[in-house]
């Protein structure tokens, strides 16, 4: 087994929700070993809109696997994911998809 076979590399990704109607969009990523992971994307404008709700409770937000994008278009997301992947950061910023499925089944 060569060294390169142990390295997870992004192969493809897709938006799981409508980027026009959702403030926080889940994304599924598939890696070269067939594993799938996910994260949540948003923009600064979407955060402003989220926090403009006066009835929001609690008045804060914490998402461990949130990536804030300048714009929610395929080109920017692709460039960001490729950069994070090249820096070996993408796996750590995402959650294994099977973990979430298992937790939801319990």
PDB file of N, CA and C in Angstrom:
ATOM      1  N   UNK A   1       0.858  -1.185   0.000  1.00  0.00           N
ATOM      2  CA  UNK A   1       0.000   0.000   0.000  1.00  0.00           C
ATOM      3  C   UNK A   1       0.895   1.235   0.000  1.00  0.00           C
ATOM      4  N   UNK A   2       0.696   2.115  -0.932  1.00  0.00           N
ATOM      5  CA  UNK A   2       1.513   3.313  -1.019  1.00  0.00           C
ATOM      6  C   UNK A   2       0.998   4.379  -0.062  1.00  0.00           C
ATOM      7  N   UNK A   3       1.844   5.350   0.214  1.00  0.00           N
ATOM      8  CA  UNK A   3       1.483   6.457   1.101  1.00  0.00           C
ATOM      9  C   UNK A   3       0.228   7.182   0.618  1.00  0.00           C
ATOM     10  N   UNK A   4       0.113   7.406  -0.675  1.00  0.00           N
ATOM     11  CA  UNK A   4      -1.001   8.172  -1.233  1.00  0.00           C
ATOM     12  C   UNK A   4      -2.360   7.519  -1.012  1.00  0.00           C
ATOM     13  N   UNK A   5      -2.389   6.198  -0.832  1.00  0.00           N
ATOM     14  CA  UNK A   5      -3.668   5.516  -0.648  1.00  0.00           C
ATOM     15  C   UNK A   5      -4.294   5.837   0.701  1.00  0.00           C
ATOM     16  N   UNK A   6      -3.497   6.290   1.674  1.00  0.00           N
ATOM     17  CA  UNK A   6      -4.012   6.604   3.003  1.00  0.00           C
ATOM     18  C   UNK A   6      -4.506   8.039   3.116  1.00  0.00           C
ATOM     19  N   UNK A   7      -4.283   8.839   2.108  1.00  0.00           N
ATOM     20  CA  UNK A   7      -4.653  10.237   2.152  1.00  0.00           C
ATOM     21  C   UNK A   7      -6.054  10.421   1.572  1.00  0.00           C
ATOM     22  N   UNK A   8      -6.944  11.017   2.368  1.00  0.00           N
ATOM     23  CA  UNK A   8      -8.283  11.303   1.866  1.00  0.00           C
ATOM     24  C   UNK A   8      -8.240  12.550   1.008  1.00  0.00           C
ATOM     25  N   UNK A   9      -8.799  12.452  -0.176  1.00  0.00           N
ATOM     26  CA  UNK A   9      -8.877  13.581  -1.100  1.00  0.00           C
ATOM     27  C   UNK A   9     -10.312  13.736  -1.574  1.00  0.00           C
ATOM     28  N   UNK A  10     -10.735  14.969  -1.660  1.00  0.00           N
ATOM     29  CA  UNK A  10     -12.087  15.264  -2.121  1.00  0.00           C
ATOM     30  C   UNK A  10     -12.257  14.856  -3.576  1.00  0.00           C
ATOM     31  N   UNK A  11     -13.336  14.109  -3.844  1.00  0.00           N
ATOM     32  CA  UNK A  11     -13.648  13.742  -5.223  1.00  0.00           C
ATOM     33  C   UNK A  11     -14.809  14.551  -5.767  1.00  0.00           C
ATOM     34  N   UNK A  12     -15.858  14.696  -4.959  1.00  0.00           N
ATOM     35  CA  UNK A  12     -17.020  15.469  -5.407  1.00  0.00           C
ATOM     36  C   UNK A  12     -17.783  15.965  -4.186  1.00  0.00           C
ATOM     37  N   UNK A  13     -18.666  16.915  -4.429  1.00  0.00           N
ATOM     38  CA  UNK A  13     -19.511  17.451  -3.366  1.00  0.00           C
ATOM     39  C   UNK A  13     -20.803  17.942  -3.990  1.00  0.00           C
ATOM     40  N   UNK A  14     -21.834  18.116  -3.145  1.00  0.00           N
ATOM     41  CA  UNK A  14     -23.086  18.679  -3.641  1.00  0.00           C
ATOM     42  C   UNK A  14     -23.843  19.379  -2.520  1.00  0.00           C
ATOM     43  N   UNK A  15     -24.589  20.415  -2.921  1.00  0.00           N
ATOM     44  CA  UNK A  15     -25.487  21.085  -1.996  1.00  0.00           C
ATOM     45  C   UNK A  15     -26.637  20.129  -1.695  1.00  0.00           C
ATOM     46  N   UNK A  16     -26.982  19.991  -0.424  1.00  0.00           N
ATOM     47  CA  UNK A  16     -28.104  19.135  -0.033  1.00  0.00           C
ATOM     48  C   UNK A  16     -29.398  19.915   0.126  1.00  0.00           C
ATOM     49  N   UNK A  17     -29.306  21.248   0.069  1.00  0.00           N
ATOM     50  CA  UNK A  17     -30.474  22.099   0.231  1.00  0.00           C
ATOM     51  C   UNK A  17     -30.411  23.233  -0.784  1.00  0.00           C
ATOM     52  N   UNK A  18     -31.512  23.922  -0.930  1.00  0.00           N
ATOM     53  CA  UNK A  18     -31.600  25.034  -1.864  1.00  0.00           C
ATOM     54  C   UNK A  18     -30.799  26.219  -1.339  1.00  0.00           C
ATOM     55  N   UNK A  19     -29.806  26.669  -2.083  1.00  0.00           N
ATOM     56  CA  UNK A  19     -28.951  27.764  -1.643  1.00  0.00           C
ATOM     57  C   UNK A  19     -29.660  29.115  -1.687  1.00  0.00           C
ATOM     58  N   UNK A  20     -30.768  29.200  -2.383  1.00  0.00           N
ATOM     59  CA  UNK A  20     -31.513  30.458  -2.479  1.00  0.00           C
ATOM     60  C   UNK A  20     -32.476  30.661  -1.311  1.00  0.00           C
ATOM     61  N   UNK A  21     -32.974  29.575  -0.744  1.00  0.00           N
ATOM     62  CA  UNK A  21     -34.005  29.718   0.289  1.00  0.00           C
ATOM     63  C   UNK A  21     -33.516  29.426   1.711  1.00  0.00           C
ATOM     64  N   UNK A  22     -32.380  28.775   1.857  1.00  0.00           N
ATOM     65  CA  UNK A  22     -31.887  28.392   3.182  1.00  0.00           C
ATOM     66  C   UNK A  22     -30.775  29.332   3.641  1.00  0.00           C
ATOM     67  N   UNK A  23     -30.776  29.680   4.920  1.00  0.00           N
ATOM     68  CA  UNK A  23     -29.704  30.505   5.472  1.00  0.00           C
ATOM     69  C   UNK A  23     -28.448  29.672   5.747  1.00  0.00           C
ATOM     70  N   UNK A  24     -28.654  28.420   6.126  1.00  0.00           N
ATOM     71  CA  UNK A  24     -27.565  27.479   6.391  1.00  0.00           C
ATOM     72  C   UNK A  24     -27.788  26.272   5.489  1.00  0.00           C
ATOM     73  N   UNK A  25     -26.810  25.961   4.661  1.00  0.00           N
ATOM     74  CA  UNK A  25     -26.965  24.910   3.658  1.00  0.00           C
ATOM     75  C   UNK A  25     -26.026  23.753   3.980  1.00  0.00           C
ATOM     76  N   UNK A  26     -26.595  22.567   4.093  1.00  0.00           N
ATOM     77  CA  UNK A  26     -25.775  21.378   4.300  1.00  0.00           C
ATOM     78  C   UNK A  26     -25.209  20.915   2.966  1.00  0.00           C
ATOM     79  N   UNK A  27     -23.982  20.408   3.028  1.00  0.00           N
ATOM     80  CA  UNK A  27     -23.261  19.946   1.848  1.00  0.00           C
ATOM     81  C   UNK A  27     -22.709  18.560   2.144  1.00  0.00           C
ATOM     82  N   UNK A  28     -22.855  17.642   1.191  1.00  0.00           N
ATOM     83  CA  UNK A  28     -22.261  16.313   1.308  1.00  0.00           C
ATOM     84  C   UNK A  28     -21.013  16.269   0.442  1.00  0.00           C
ATOM     85  N   UNK A  29     -19.929  15.745   1.018  1.00  0.00           N
ATOM     86  CA  UNK A  29     -18.656  15.618   0.310  1.00  0.00           C
ATOM     87  C   UNK A  29     -18.301  14.144   0.213  1.00  0.00           C
ATOM     88  N   UNK A  30     -17.807  13.713  -0.940  1.00  0.00           N
ATOM     89  CA  UNK A  30     -17.383  12.333  -1.139  1.00  0.00           C
ATOM     90  C   UNK A  30     -15.877  12.335  -1.379  1.00  0.00           C
ATOM     91  N   UNK A  31     -15.174  11.437  -0.692  1.00  0.00           N
ATOM     92  CA  UNK A  31     -13.719  11.357  -0.779  1.00  0.00           C
ATOM     93  C   UNK A  31     -13.285  10.135  -1.584  1.00  0.00           C
ATOM     94  N   UNK A  32     -11.995  10.094  -1.905  1.00  0.00           N
ATOM     95  CA  UNK A  32     -11.456   9.066  -2.794  1.00  0.00           C
ATOM     96  C   UNK A  32     -11.573   7.648  -2.239  1.00  0.00           C
ATOM     97  N   UNK A  33     -11.823   7.469  -0.968  1.00  0.00           N
ATOM     98  CA  UNK A  33     -12.013   6.124  -0.417  1.00  0.00           C
ATOM     99  C   UNK A  33     -13.487   5.733  -0.377  1.00  0.00           C
ATOM    100  N   UNK A  34     -14.350   6.599  -0.916  1.00  0.00           N
ATOM    101  CA  UNK A  34     -15.786   6.341  -0.935  1.00  0.00           C
ATOM    102  C   UNK A  34     -16.521   6.863   0.288  1.00  0.00           C
ATOM    103  N   UNK A  35     -15.798   7.348   1.273  1.00  0.00           N
ATOM    104  CA  UNK A  35     -16.452   7.871   2.476  1.00  0.00           C
ATOM    105  C   UNK A  35     -17.144   9.188   2.164  1.00  0.00           C
ATOM    106  N   UNK A  36     -18.204   9.433   2.925  1.00  0.00           N
ATOM    107  CA  UNK A  36     -18.951  10.671   2.762  1.00  0.00           C
ATOM    108  C   UNK A  36     -18.934  11.433   4.081  1.00  0.00           C
ATOM    109  N   UNK A  37     -18.813  12.746   3.959  1.00  0.00           N
ATOM    110  CA  UNK A  37     -18.795  13.637   5.107  1.00  0.00           C
ATOM    111  C   UNK A  37     -19.706  14.813   4.791  1.00  0.00           C
ATOM    112  N   UNK A  38     -20.028  15.622   5.784  1.00  0.00           N
ATOM    113  CA  UNK A  38     -20.875  16.779   5.535  1.00  0.00           C
ATOM    114  C   UNK A  38     -20.427  17.952   6.384  1.00  0.00           C
ATOM    115  N   UNK A  39     -20.866  19.130   5.981  1.00  0.00           N
ATOM    116  CA  UNK A  39     -20.655  20.359   6.731  1.00  0.00           C
ATOM    117  C   UNK A  39     -21.791  21.310   6.382  1.00  0.00           C
ATOM    118  N   UNK A  40     -21.791  22.452   7.023  1.00  0.00           N
ATOM    119  CA  UNK A  40     -22.801  23.471   6.781  1.00  0.00           C
ATOM    120  C   UNK A  40     -22.117  24.722   6.262  1.00  0.00           C
ATOM    121  N   UNK A  41     -22.711  25.349   5.257  1.00  0.00           N
ATOM    122  CA  UNK A  41     -22.186  26.588   4.689  1.00  0.00           C
ATOM    123  C   UNK A  41     -23.180  27.717   4.907  1.00  0.00           C
ATOM    124  N   UNK A  42     -22.655  28.920   5.040  1.00  0.00           N
ATOM    125  CA  UNK A  42     -23.475  30.121   5.078  1.00  0.00           C
ATOM    126  C   UNK A  42     -22.630  31.293   4.597  1.00  0.00           C
ATOM    127  N   UNK A  43     -23.245  32.445   4.514  1.00  0.00           N
ATOM    128  CA  UNK A  43     -22.545  33.668   4.110  1.00  0.00           C
ATOM    129  C   UNK A  43     -22.699  34.706   5.225  1.00  0.00           C
ATOM    130  N   UNK A  44     -21.868  35.752   5.217  1.00  0.00           N
ATOM    131  CA  UNK A  44     -22.051  36.828   6.203  1.00  0.00           C
ATOM    132  C   UNK A  44     -23.458  37.446   6.128  1.00  0.00           C
ATOM    133  N   UNK A  45     -23.982  37.614   4.921  1.00  0.00           N
ATOM    134  CA  UNK A  45     -25.324  38.171   4.763  1.00  0.00           C
ATOM    135  C   UNK A  45     -26.385  37.278   5.395  1.00  0.00           C
ATOM    136  N   UNK A  46     -26.226  35.964   5.245  1.00  0.00           N
ATOM    137  CA  UNK A  46     -27.176  35.036   5.857  1.00  0.00           C
ATOM    138  C   UNK A  46     -27.098  35.088   7.379  1.00  0.00           C
ATOM    139  N   UNK A  47     -25.904  35.283   7.916  1.00  0.00           N
ATOM    140  CA  UNK A  47     -25.765  35.415   9.370  1.00  0.00           C
ATOM    141  C   UNK A  47     -26.469  36.672   9.869  1.00  0.00           C
ATOM    142  N   UNK A  48     -26.325  37.769   9.148  1.00  0.00           N
ATOM    143  CA  UNK A  48     -27.012  39.010   9.517  1.00  0.00           C
ATOM    144  C   UNK A  48     -28.519  38.784   9.512  1.00  0.00           C
ATOM    145  N   UNK A  49     -29.001  38.132   8.483  1.00  0.00           N
ATOM    146  CA  UNK A  49     -30.435  37.848   8.400  1.00  0.00           C
ATOM    147  C   UNK A  49     -30.876  36.958   9.563  1.00  0.00           C
ATOM    148  N   UNK A  50     -30.090  35.956   9.888  1.00  0.00           N
ATOM    149  CA  UNK A  50     -30.399  35.043  10.991  1.00  0.00           C
ATOM    150  C   UNK A  50     -30.502  35.805  12.317  1.00  0.00           C
ATOM    151  N   UNK A  51     -29.526  36.688  12.564  1.00  0.00           N
ATOM    152  CA  UNK A  51     -29.494  37.414  13.820  1.00  0.00           C
ATOM    153  C   UNK A  51     -30.461  38.591  13.866  1.00  0.00           C
ATOM    154  N   UNK A  52     -31.087  38.939  12.750  1.00  0.00           N
ATOM    155  CA  UNK A  52     -32.060  40.029  12.754  1.00  0.00           C
ATOM    156  C   UNK A  52     -33.398  39.600  13.355  1.00  0.00           C
ATOM    157  N   UNK A  53     -33.578  38.332  13.607  1.00  0.00           N
ATOM    158  CA  UNK A  53     -34.800  37.814  14.222  1.00  0.00           C
ATOM    159  C   UNK A  53     -34.795  38.185  15.705  1.00  0.00           C
ATOM    160  N   UNK A  54     -35.667  39.083  16.102  1.00  0.00           N
ATOM    161  CA  UNK A  54     -35.719  39.549  17.491  1.00  0.00           C
ATOM    162  C   UNK A  54     -36.171  38.482  18.471  1.00  0.00           C
ATOM    163  N   UNK A  55     -36.828  37.453  17.989  1.00  0.00           N
ATOM    164  CA  UNK A  55     -37.334  36.388  18.865  1.00  0.00           C
ATOM    165  C   UNK A  55     -36.373  35.212  18.982  1.00  0.00           C
ATOM    166  N   UNK A  56     -35.170  35.354  18.423  1.00  0.00           N
ATOM    167  CA  UNK A  56     -34.214  34.242  18.427  1.00  0.00           C
ATOM    168  C   UNK A  56     -33.820  33.889  19.859  1.00  0.00           C
ATOM    169  N   UNK A  57     -33.916  32.618  20.199  1.00  0.00           N
ATOM    170  CA  UNK A  57     -33.550  32.154  21.523  1.00  0.00           C
ATOM    171  C   UNK A  57     -32.819  30.828  21.391  1.00  0.00           C
ATOM    172  N   UNK A  58     -31.621  30.671  21.869  1.00  0.00           N
ATOM    173  CA  UNK A  58     -30.823  31.686  22.560  1.00  0.00           C
ATOM    174  C   UNK A  58     -30.279  32.707  21.567  1.00  0.00           C
ATOM    175  N   UNK A  59     -29.778  33.826  22.070  1.00  0.00           N
ATOM    176  CA  UNK A  59     -29.315  34.899  21.190  1.00  0.00           C
ATOM    177  C   UNK A  59     -27.905  34.682  20.643  1.00  0.00           C
ATOM    178  N   UNK A  60     -27.494  33.445  20.540  1.00  0.00           N
ATOM    179  CA  UNK A  60     -26.174  33.107  20.012  1.00  0.00           C
ATOM    180  C   UNK A  60     -26.260  31.908  19.094  1.00  0.00           C
ATOM    181  N   UNK A  61     -25.144  31.568  18.486  1.00  0.00           N
ATOM    182  CA  UNK A  61     -25.095  30.464  17.529  1.00  0.00           C
ATOM    183  C   UNK A  61     -23.740  29.794  17.619  1.00  0.00           C
ATOM    184  N   UNK A  62     -23.722  28.474  17.648  1.00  0.00           N
ATOM    185  CA  UNK A  62     -22.480  27.716  17.606  1.00  0.00           C
ATOM    186  C   UNK A  62     -22.688  26.506  16.716  1.00  0.00           C
ATOM    187  N   UNK A  63     -21.866  26.413  15.684  1.00  0.00           N
ATOM    188  CA  UNK A  63     -21.888  25.250  14.795  1.00  0.00           C
ATOM    189  C   UNK A  63     -20.439  24.840  14.565  1.00  0.00           C
ATOM    190  N   UNK A  64     -20.106  23.653  15.022  1.00  0.00           N
ATOM    191  CA  UNK A  64     -18.725  23.192  14.937  1.00  0.00           C
ATOM    192  C   UNK A  64     -18.235  23.042  13.500  1.00  0.00           C
ATOM    193  N   UNK A  65     -19.092  22.633  12.611  1.00  0.00           N
ATOM    194  CA  UNK A  65     -18.675  22.345  11.238  1.00  0.00           C
ATOM    195  C   UNK A  65     -19.294  23.333  10.251  1.00  0.00           C
ATOM    196  N   UNK A  66     -19.216  24.615  10.611  1.00  0.00           N
ATOM    197  CA  UNK A  66     -19.752  25.690   9.788  1.00  0.00           C
ATOM    198  C   UNK A  66     -18.614  26.373   9.032  1.00  0.00           C
ATOM    199  N   UNK A  67     -18.790  26.531   7.730  1.00  0.00           N
ATOM    200  CA  UNK A  67     -17.834  27.257   6.898  1.00  0.00           C
ATOM    201  C   UNK A  67     -18.564  28.481   6.357  1.00  0.00           C
ATOM    202  N   UNK A  68     -17.990  29.658   6.578  1.00  0.00           N
ATOM    203  CA  UNK A  68     -18.599  30.897   6.125  1.00  0.00           C
ATOM    204  C   UNK A  68     -17.982  31.284   4.788  1.00  0.00           C
ATOM    205  N   UNK A  69     -18.829  31.422   3.794  1.00  0.00           N
ATOM    206  CA  UNK A  69     -18.417  31.704   2.425  1.00  0.00           C
ATOM    207  C   UNK A  69     -18.701  33.155   2.059  1.00  0.00           C
ATOM    208  N   UNK A  70     -17.886  33.723   1.187  1.00  0.00           N
ATOM    209  CA  UNK A  70     -18.150  35.054   0.646  1.00  0.00           C
ATOM    210  C   UNK A  70     -19.438  35.026  -0.176  1.00  0.00           C
ATOM    211  N   UNK A  71     -19.595  33.982  -0.980  1.00  0.00           N
ATOM    212  CA  UNK A  71     -20.790  33.799  -1.812  1.00  0.00           C
ATOM    213  C   UNK A  71     -21.091  32.313  -1.877  1.00  0.00           C
ATOM    214  N   UNK A  72     -22.352  31.996  -2.083  1.00  0.00           N
ATOM    215  CA  UNK A  72     -22.776  30.605  -2.098  1.00  0.00           C
ATOM    216  C   UNK A  72     -22.946  30.132  -3.541  1.00  0.00           C
ATOM    217  N   UNK A  73     -21.910  30.265  -4.353  1.00  0.00           N
ATOM    218  CA  UNK A  73     -21.979  29.747  -5.718  1.00  0.00           C
ATOM    219  C   UNK A  73     -21.007  28.581  -5.854  1.00  0.00           C
ATOM    220  N   UNK A  74     -21.260  27.743  -6.839  1.00  0.00           N
ATOM    221  CA  UNK A  74     -20.467  26.518  -7.009  1.00  0.00           C
ATOM    222  C   UNK A  74     -18.972  26.792  -7.154  1.00  0.00           C
ATOM    223  N   UNK A  75     -18.618  27.846  -7.871  1.00  0.00           N
ATOM    224  CA  UNK A  75     -17.205  28.134  -8.115  1.00  0.00           C
ATOM    225  C   UNK A  75     -16.474  28.480  -6.821  1.00  0.00           C
ATOM    226  N   UNK A  76     -17.076  29.347  -5.998  1.00  0.00           N
ATOM    227  CA  UNK A  76     -16.441  29.741  -4.738  1.00  0.00           C
ATOM    228  C   UNK A  76     -16.373  28.577  -3.759  1.00  0.00           C
ATOM    229  N   UNK A  77     -17.436  27.796  -3.682  1.00  0.00           N
ATOM    230  CA  UNK A  77     -17.445  26.643  -2.784  1.00  0.00           C
ATOM    231  C   UNK A  77     -16.387  25.641  -3.232  1.00  0.00           C
ATOM    232  N   UNK A  78     -16.340  25.358  -4.524  1.00  0.00           N
ATOM    233  CA  UNK A  78     -15.341  24.435  -5.066  1.00  0.00           C
ATOM    234  C   UNK A  78     -13.932  24.917  -4.740  1.00  0.00           C
ATOM    235  N   UNK A  79     -13.654  26.190  -4.969  1.00  0.00           N
ATOM    236  CA  UNK A  79     -12.318  26.739  -4.705  1.00  0.00           C
ATOM    237  C   UNK A  79     -11.971  26.640  -3.217  1.00  0.00           C
ATOM    238  N   UNK A  80     -12.934  26.922  -2.369  1.00  0.00           N
ATOM    239  CA  UNK A  80     -12.695  26.847  -0.923  1.00  0.00           C
ATOM    240  C   UNK A  80     -12.430  25.408  -0.491  1.00  0.00           C
ATOM    241  N   UNK A  81     -13.266  24.469  -0.959  1.00  0.00           N
ATOM    242  CA  UNK A  81     -13.060  23.067  -0.609  1.00  0.00           C
ATOM    243  C   UNK A  81     -11.716  22.563  -1.123  1.00  0.00           C
ATOM    244  N   UNK A  82     -11.359  22.921  -2.339  1.00  0.00           N
ATOM    245  CA  UNK A  82     -10.069  22.470  -2.904  1.00  0.00           C
ATOM    246  C   UNK A  82      -8.894  23.036  -2.104  1.00  0.00           C
ATOM    247  N   UNK A  83      -9.011  24.304  -1.704  1.00  0.00           N
ATOM    248  CA  UNK A  83      -7.949  24.903  -0.891  1.00  0.00           C
ATOM    249  C   UNK A  83      -7.846  24.188   0.457  1.00  0.00           C
ATOM    250  N   UNK A  84      -8.975  24.018   1.144  1.00  0.00           N
ATOM    251  CA  UNK A  84      -8.968  23.335   2.440  1.00  0.00           C
ATOM    252  C   UNK A  84      -8.450  21.913   2.309  1.00  0.00           C
ATOM    253  N   UNK A  85      -8.813  21.240   1.223  1.00  0.00           N
ATOM    254  CA  UNK A  85      -8.330  19.880   0.964  1.00  0.00           C
ATOM    255  C   UNK A  85      -6.814  19.878   0.768  1.00  0.00           C
ATOM    256  N   UNK A  86      -6.284  20.834   0.031  1.00  0.00           N
ATOM    257  CA  UNK A  86      -4.839  20.901  -0.218  1.00  0.00           C
ATOM    258  C   UNK A  86      -4.056  21.213   1.056  1.00  0.00           C
ATOM    259  N   UNK A  87      -4.718  21.818   2.032  1.00  0.00           N
ATOM    260  CA  UNK A  87      -4.089  22.137   3.309  1.00  0.00           C
ATOM    261  C   UNK A  87      -4.359  21.059   4.368  1.00  0.00           C
ATOM    262  N   UNK A  88      -4.963  19.954   3.956  1.00  0.00           N
ATOM    263  CA  UNK A  88      -5.328  18.853   4.857  1.00  0.00           C
ATOM    264  C   UNK A  88      -6.246  19.309   5.994  1.00  0.00           C
ATOM    265  N   UNK A  89      -7.130  20.253   5.715  1.00  0.00           N
ATOM    266  CA  UNK A  89      -8.060  20.792   6.707  1.00  0.00           C
ATOM    267  C   UNK A  89      -9.494  20.309   6.492  1.00  0.00           C
ATOM    268  N   UNK A  90      -9.816  19.868   5.304  1.00  0.00           N
ATOM    269  CA  UNK A  90     -11.209  19.591   4.952  1.00  0.00           C
ATOM    270  C   UNK A  90     -11.809  18.452   5.771  1.00  0.00           C
ATOM    271  N   UNK A  91     -11.063  17.405   6.000  1.00  0.00           N
ATOM    272  CA  UNK A  91     -11.594  16.278   6.778  1.00  0.00           C
ATOM    273  C   UNK A  91     -11.931  16.726   8.195  1.00  0.00           C
ATOM    274  N   UNK A  92     -11.068  17.548   8.796  1.00  0.00           N
ATOM    275  CA  UNK A  92     -11.316  18.018  10.152  1.00  0.00           C
ATOM    276  C   UNK A  92     -12.458  19.007  10.281  1.00  0.00           C
ATOM    277  N   UNK A  93     -12.841  19.630   9.175  1.00  0.00           N
ATOM    278  CA  UNK A  93     -13.932  20.602   9.181  1.00  0.00           C
ATOM    279  C   UNK A  93     -15.272  19.991   8.808  1.00  0.00           C
ATOM    280  N   UNK A  94     -15.296  18.690   8.631  1.00  0.00           N
ATOM    281  CA  UNK A  94     -16.513  18.000   8.217  1.00  0.00           C
ATOM    282  C   UNK A  94     -16.802  16.849   9.180  1.00  0.00           C
ATOM    283  N   UNK A  95     -18.025  16.346   9.127  1.00  0.00           N
ATOM    284  CA  UNK A  95     -18.470  15.250   9.992  1.00  0.00           C
ATOM    285  C   UNK A  95     -18.759  14.032   9.126  1.00  0.00           C
ATOM    286  N   UNK A  96     -18.326  12.840   9.556  1.00  0.00           N
ATOM    287  CA  UNK A  96     -18.677  11.638   8.787  1.00  0.00           C
ATOM    288  C   UNK A  96     -20.193  11.495   8.669  1.00  0.00           C
ATOM    289  N   UNK A  97     -20.658  11.281   7.476  1.00  0.00           N
ATOM    290  CA  UNK A  97     -22.095  11.182   7.218  1.00  0.00           C
ATOM    291  C   UNK A  97     -22.706  10.004   7.973  1.00  0.00           C
ATOM    292  N   UNK A  98     -22.021   8.882   8.047  1.00  0.00           N
ATOM    293  CA  UNK A  98     -22.580   7.712   8.735  1.00  0.00           C
ATOM    294  C   UNK A  98     -22.736   7.953  10.228  1.00  0.00           C
ATOM    295  N   UNK A  99     -21.932   8.839  10.848  1.00  0.00           N
ATOM    296  CA  UNK A  99     -22.101   9.183  12.264  1.00  0.00           C
ATOM    297  C   UNK A  99     -23.440   9.856  12.494  1.00  0.00           C
ATOM    298  N   UNK A 100     -23.790  10.783  11.622  1.00  0.00           N
ATOM    299  CA  UNK A 100     -25.046  11.514  11.768  1.00  0.00           C
ATOM    300  C   UNK A 100     -26.233  10.579  11.541  1.00  0.00           C
ATOM    301  N   UNK A 101     -26.148   9.723  10.525  1.00  0.00           N
ATOM    302  CA  UNK A 101     -27.228   8.782  10.258  1.00  0.00           C
ATOM    303  C   UNK A 101     -27.444   7.873  11.444  1.00  0.00           C
ATOM    304  N   UNK A 102     -26.356   7.406  12.061  1.00  0.00           N
ATOM    305  CA  UNK A 102     -26.464   6.522  13.204  1.00  0.00           C
ATOM    306  C   UNK A 102     -27.095   7.249  14.390  1.00  0.00           C
ATOM    307  N   UNK A 103     -26.674   8.471  14.670  1.00  0.00           N
ATOM    308  CA  UNK A 103     -27.221   9.230  15.788  1.00  0.00           C
ATOM    309  C   UNK A 103     -28.696   9.524  15.591  1.00  0.00           C
ATOM    310  N   UNK A 104     -29.116   9.768  14.354  1.00  0.00           N
ATOM    311  CA  UNK A 104     -30.523  10.049  14.089  1.00  0.00           C
ATOM    312  C   UNK A 104     -31.395   8.803  14.212  1.00  0.00           C
ATOM    313  N   UNK A 105     -30.804   7.630  14.037  1.00  0.00           N
ATOM    314  CA  UNK A 105     -31.552   6.380  14.136  1.00  0.00           C
ATOM    315  C   UNK A 105     -31.802   5.985  15.585  1.00  0.00           C
ATOM    316  N   UNK A 106     -31.024   6.507  16.509  1.00  0.00           N
ATOM    317  CA  UNK A 106     -31.114   6.104  17.927  1.00  0.00           C
ATOM    318  C   UNK A 106     -32.302   6.734  18.581  1.00  0.00           C
TER     319      UNK A 106
END
